[in-house]
Amino acid sequence: MTALQRRLDVALEICAAAGRMALARQPAPGAAVAALKGHQDWLTEADGAIEAFIDAALASAFPQDGFQGEETGGRRNGALRWVVDPIDGTSNFARGNPRFCVSLGLIEDRTPLLGVIVAPAMGETFAARLGAGATLNGAPIRAAETTDLARGMVECGWSPRRTNAEFFALTHAVMGTGAMLRAGGSGALGLADVAAGRIDAYIELHINLWDVAAALAILGEAGAEVSAFLAGDGLIAGNPIFAAAPGVAGLLKHAIGA
């Protein structure tokens, strides 16, 4: 077993346990049970507890590796860096909506090495390791073969770091292609859906590293076309993200001016 495969196996175990923790802590449907870190930027008790659990588990298994979490920032340095979003889709989680996930990626410099996304309420686990393909619940997945955007589905994620006018311009351009517009409230799961061929593209004008660290590896191994998120300030400040099925990527880029 390679060192990278061992890390993937351990990551799968840790994320499965973290997913069970999240399910046990999820509020019932109704008014959001959460605090606000910023405009529509939700935080629950579960976020901190799950991140602390993942941090401790990784430190025990791989003390030489670095760690960066959404809630605690960069806690350890190392040649390999684990990046976690303990609950992606927190607004969904806080309202009792099942569309949320635990996202854990491993990066070396600017190269995604592996990714695990566990959506416990939906019973789904996405995983990938560099050079070994991408899977959903153990079965191989690939990006869609769509070539006609009039038959396509595109998810556009909303970010408070961009103006409403910019978001409206993006969605207007996407709808102008004839594609069906989607919005699910979890960037990590939207990107995973591109990898699985469930939708044809995911676009967000600004997203953070912890939201995409796992998905970047999964998308790459599934054959999707992905923007250079880790270039520039992506590791620190985030970047736009564009991920699409190869057959529509060029058409969609042209439509949105990317």
Protein backbone atom coordinates (compact mmCIF):
# COMPACT_ATOMS: atom_id res chain seq x y z
CA MET A 1 0.00 0.00 0.00
CA THR A 2 1.35 3.41 -0.95
CA ALA A 3 1.55 6.27 1.53
CA LEU A 4 -1.09 8.15 -0.46
CA GLN A 5 -3.48 5.19 -0.51
CA ARG A 6 -3.08 4.82 3.25
CA ARG A 7 -3.99 8.47 3.65
CA LEU A 8 -7.08 7.98 1.50
CA ASP A 9 -8.15 4.95 3.54
CA VAL A 10 -7.72 6.86 6.80
CA ALA A 11 -9.50 9.91 5.37
CA LEU A 12 -12.46 7.74 4.42
CA GLU A 13 -12.69 6.35 7.95
CA ILE A 14 -12.38 9.78 9.55
CA CYS A 15 -14.97 11.38 7.26
CA ALA A 16 -17.42 8.53 7.80
CA ALA A 17 -17.17 9.05 11.56
CA ALA A 18 -17.45 12.82 11.14
CA GLY A 19 -20.55 12.32 9.02
CA ARG A 20 -22.16 10.28 11.78
CA MET A 21 -21.34 13.07 14.23
CA ALA A 22 -22.98 15.60 11.93
CA LEU A 23 -26.14 13.53 11.55
CA ALA A 24 -26.43 13.15 15.32
CA ARG A 25 -26.19 16.92 15.73
CA GLN A 26 -28.39 18.09 12.86
CA PRO A 27 -31.40 20.16 13.94
CA ALA A 28 -34.90 19.23 12.87
CA PRO A 29 -36.40 21.17 9.93
CA GLY A 30 -37.59 24.65 10.82
CA ALA A 31 -35.94 27.93 11.69
CA ALA A 32 -32.15 27.85 11.43
CA VAL A 33 -30.37 26.72 14.60
CA ALA A 34 -27.09 28.55 14.01
CA ALA A 35 -25.14 31.76 14.44
CA LEU A 36 -24.04 34.08 11.66
CA LYS A 37 -20.34 34.77 10.98
CA GLY A 38 -21.32 37.18 8.20
CA HIS A 39 -24.08 37.76 5.68
CA GLN A 40 -25.67 34.33 5.08
CA ASP A 41 -22.49 32.73 6.48
CA TRP A 42 -23.75 30.23 9.03
CA LEU A 43 -21.98 28.55 11.95
CA THR A 44 -23.31 25.76 14.15
CA GLU A 45 -21.94 24.03 17.23
CA ALA A 46 -21.36 20.99 15.05
CA ASP A 47 -18.90 22.82 12.77
CA GLY A 48 -16.38 23.36 15.55
CA ALA A 49 -16.84 19.94 17.15
CA ILE A 50 -16.42 18.06 13.88
CA GLU A 51 -13.40 20.09 12.80
CA ALA A 52 -11.72 19.44 16.16
CA PHE A 53 -12.41 15.71 15.80
CA ILE A 54 -10.93 15.58 12.28
CA ASP A 55 -7.93 17.67 13.32
CA ALA A 56 -7.13 15.37 16.24
CA ALA A 57 -7.60 12.20 14.19
CA LEU A 58 -5.30 13.40 11.42
CA ALA A 59 -2.68 14.64 13.89
CA SER A 60 -2.62 11.18 15.45
CA ALA A 61 -2.39 9.32 12.14
CA PHE A 62 -0.09 11.70 10.25
CA PRO A 63 1.65 14.09 12.67
CA GLN A 64 4.03 15.27 9.95
CA ASP A 65 1.20 16.61 7.76
CA GLY A 66 -0.14 20.15 7.79
CA PHE A 67 -3.74 21.01 8.60
CA GLN A 68 -6.07 23.85 7.63
CA GLY A 69 -9.69 24.10 8.71
CA GLU A 70 -12.47 26.51 7.89
CA GLU A 71 -13.13 27.33 11.53
CA THR A 72 -9.60 27.30 12.99
CA GLY A 73 -7.41 28.29 10.03
CA GLY A 74 -3.92 26.85 9.52
CA ARG A 75 -2.97 25.00 12.70
CA ARG A 76 -0.01 22.91 11.48
CA ASN A 77 2.49 23.18 8.65
CA GLY A 78 3.78 20.30 6.54
CA ALA A 79 4.76 19.39 2.98
CA LEU A 80 1.31 17.81 2.66
CA ARG A 81 -1.66 19.88 3.80
CA TRP A 82 -5.06 18.53 4.82
CA VAL A 83 -7.86 21.03 4.20
CA VAL A 84 -11.25 20.46 5.82
CA ASP A 85 -14.69 21.96 5.71
CA PRO A 86 -16.41 20.19 8.61
CA ILE A 87 -19.88 20.98 7.26
CA ASP A 88 -20.22 22.35 3.76
CA GLY A 89 -23.77 23.50 3.20
CA THR A 90 -24.16 24.74 6.77
CA SER A 91 -27.28 26.74 5.89
CA ASN A 92 -28.89 23.49 4.72
CA PHE A 93 -27.65 21.60 7.77
CA ALA A 94 -29.03 24.24 10.14
CA ARG A 95 -32.50 23.96 8.55
CA GLY A 96 -32.70 20.16 8.66
CA ASN A 97 -31.98 19.86 4.93
CA PRO A 98 -30.05 16.68 4.00
CA ARG A 99 -27.86 18.40 1.38
CA PHE A 100 -24.68 18.97 3.37
CA CYS A 101 -21.34 17.19 3.58
CA VAL A 102 -17.99 16.73 5.25
CA SER A 103 -15.21 17.70 2.82
CA LEU A 104 -11.55 16.70 3.30
CA GLY A 105 -8.81 17.20 0.74
CA LEU A 106 -5.04 16.70 0.69
CA ILE A 107 -2.82 19.12 -1.23
CA GLU A 108 0.91 19.15 -1.96
CA ASP A 109 2.05 22.64 -2.95
CA ARG A 110 -0.58 23.42 -5.62
CA THR A 111 -1.46 19.84 -6.56
CA PRO A 112 -4.62 18.12 -5.25
CA LEU A 113 -3.62 14.61 -4.16
CA LEU A 114 -6.85 13.16 -2.82
CA GLY A 115 -10.34 14.11 -1.78
CA VAL A 116 -13.20 12.67 0.26
CA ILE A 117 -16.70 14.13 0.42
CA VAL A 118 -19.23 12.41 2.67
CA ALA A 119 -22.90 13.40 2.51
CA PRO A 120 -24.19 11.37 5.47
CA ALA A 121 -27.88 12.23 5.22
CA MET A 122 -27.86 11.08 1.58
CA GLY A 123 -25.70 8.01 2.16
CA GLU A 124 -23.08 9.11 -0.37
CA THR A 125 -19.29 9.09 -0.30
CA PHE A 126 -17.25 10.61 -3.13
CA ALA A 127 -13.54 9.81 -3.19
CA ALA A 128 -10.49 10.14 -5.41
CA ARG A 129 -6.74 9.68 -5.32
CA LEU A 130 -4.35 11.13 -7.88
CA GLY A 131 -3.98 8.67 -10.75
CA ALA A 132 -6.55 6.20 -9.40
CA GLY A 133 -9.87 7.59 -10.64
CA ALA A 134 -12.90 8.91 -8.79
CA THR A 135 -15.70 6.97 -7.14
CA LEU A 136 -19.15 7.36 -5.62
CA ASN A 137 -19.84 4.73 -2.97
CA GLY A 138 -17.01 2.69 -4.47
CA ALA A 139 -18.26 2.75 -8.08
CA PRO A 140 -16.31 4.68 -10.76
CA ILE A 141 -17.71 8.04 -11.86
CA ARG A 142 -17.02 10.29 -14.84
CA ALA A 143 -18.10 13.75 -15.91
CA ALA A 144 -21.05 13.85 -18.30
CA GLU A 145 -20.71 13.54 -22.08
CA THR A 146 -23.13 16.41 -22.73
CA THR A 147 -22.30 18.56 -25.76
CA ASP A 148 -25.49 20.64 -26.06
CA LEU A 149 -26.10 23.22 -23.35
CA ALA A 150 -29.77 23.37 -24.30
CA ARG A 151 -29.90 19.90 -22.73
CA GLY A 152 -27.56 20.84 -19.92
CA MET A 153 -27.84 21.59 -16.22
CA VAL A 154 -25.59 24.20 -14.59
CA GLU A 155 -25.34 25.11 -10.92
CA CYS A 156 -24.30 28.63 -9.95
CA GLY A 157 -23.14 29.13 -6.39
CA TRP A 158 -23.80 32.46 -4.68
CA SER A 159 -21.05 34.25 -2.75
CA PRO A 160 -21.44 37.28 -0.44
CA ARG A 161 -18.01 38.40 -1.68
CA ARG A 162 -19.49 39.32 -5.05
CA THR A 163 -22.28 41.79 -5.77
CA ASN A 164 -25.80 40.74 -6.62
CA ALA A 165 -25.33 42.44 -9.99
CA GLU A 166 -22.36 40.18 -10.77
CA PHE A 167 -24.32 37.09 -9.75
CA PHE A 168 -27.33 38.14 -11.81
CA ALA A 169 -25.07 38.71 -14.83
CA LEU A 170 -23.63 35.22 -14.42
CA THR A 171 -26.99 33.49 -14.14
CA HIS A 172 -28.38 35.52 -17.05
CA ALA A 173 -25.47 34.42 -19.24
CA VAL A 174 -25.89 30.78 -18.22
CA MET A 175 -29.62 30.83 -18.89
CA GLY A 176 -28.92 32.42 -22.25
CA THR A 177 -27.25 29.18 -23.33
CA GLY A 178 -30.49 27.28 -22.80
CA ALA A 179 -29.11 25.39 -19.81
CA MET A 180 -31.29 24.63 -16.79
CA LEU A 181 -30.11 26.61 -13.76
CA ARG A 182 -29.64 24.86 -10.42
CA ALA A 183 -28.69 25.93 -6.89
CA GLY A 184 -28.19 23.43 -4.07
CA GLY A 185 -26.51 25.31 -1.25
CA SER A 186 -23.29 23.26 -1.07
CA GLY A 187 -20.36 24.09 -3.31
CA ALA A 188 -18.57 20.83 -2.51
CA LEU A 189 -21.60 18.74 -3.45
CA GLY A 190 -22.29 20.83 -6.55
CA LEU A 191 -18.74 20.15 -7.73
CA ALA A 192 -19.08 16.47 -6.83
CA ASP A 193 -22.24 16.34 -8.94
CA VAL A 194 -20.22 17.58 -11.93
CA ALA A 195 -17.73 14.78 -11.34
CA ALA A 196 -20.55 12.24 -11.17
CA GLY A 197 -22.22 13.48 -14.37
CA ARG A 198 -25.36 14.59 -12.51
CA ILE A 199 -24.98 18.17 -13.72
CA ASP A 200 -22.82 19.62 -16.47
CA ALA A 201 -21.12 22.53 -14.71
CA TYR A 202 -20.67 24.35 -11.43
CA ILE A 203 -19.65 28.02 -11.37
CA GLU A 204 -19.07 30.32 -8.42
CA LEU A 205 -17.55 33.79 -8.60
CA HIS A 206 -15.68 33.37 -5.32
CA ILE A 207 -15.22 30.29 -3.17
CA ASN A 208 -12.76 29.34 -0.44
CA LEU A 209 -10.11 26.63 -0.46
CA TRP A 210 -11.84 24.48 2.16
CA ASP A 211 -14.97 24.34 0.01
CA VAL A 212 -13.12 22.90 -3.00
CA ALA A 213 -10.00 21.11 -1.71
CA ALA A 214 -11.59 17.66 -1.84
CA ALA A 215 -13.60 18.32 -4.99
CA LEU A 216 -10.55 19.40 -7.02
CA ALA A 217 -9.06 15.91 -6.76
CA ILE A 218 -12.40 14.24 -7.49
CA LEU A 219 -13.11 16.44 -10.52
CA GLY A 220 -9.65 15.90 -11.96
CA GLU A 221 -9.91 12.13 -11.69
CA ALA A 222 -13.43 12.17 -13.16
CA GLY A 223 -12.29 13.93 -16.32
CA ALA A 224 -13.98 17.29 -15.75
CA GLU A 225 -12.46 20.54 -16.97
CA VAL A 226 -11.58 22.71 -13.98
CA SER A 227 -10.27 26.26 -13.68
CA ALA A 228 -6.86 26.88 -12.09
CA PHE A 229 -8.29 27.49 -8.63
CA LEU A 230 -4.99 26.97 -6.82
CA ALA A 231 -3.19 29.61 -8.92
CA GLY A 232 -2.55 33.10 -7.58
CA ASP A 233 -4.09 33.63 -4.14
CA GLY A 234 -6.32 30.55 -4.26
CA LEU A 235 -4.56 28.84 -1.36
CA ILE A 236 -5.07 31.85 0.90
CA ALA A 237 -7.88 34.10 -0.30
CA GLY A 238 -9.90 31.78 -2.53
CA ASN A 239 -10.73 32.22 -6.21
CA PRO A 240 -13.55 31.78 -8.70
CA ILE A 241 -14.30 28.16 -9.59
CA PHE A 242 -15.42 26.78 -12.93
CA ALA A 243 -15.88 23.03 -13.38
CA ALA A 244 -17.62 21.51 -16.37
CA ALA A 245 -18.09 18.46 -18.52
CA PRO A 246 -15.49 18.64 -21.32
CA GLY A 247 -18.10 18.73 -24.08
CA VAL A 248 -19.68 21.98 -22.86
CA ALA A 249 -16.79 23.70 -21.08
CA GLY A 250 -15.69 25.80 -24.04
CA LEU A 251 -19.22 26.86 -24.94
CA LEU A 252 -19.98 27.83 -21.36
CA LYS A 253 -16.74 29.76 -20.92
CA HIS A 254 -17.52 31.75 -24.04
CA ALA A 255 -21.04 32.49 -22.81
CA ILE A 256 -19.91 33.82 -19.42
CA GLY A 257 -16.80 35.56 -20.71
CA ALA A 258 -14.36 33.36 -18.79
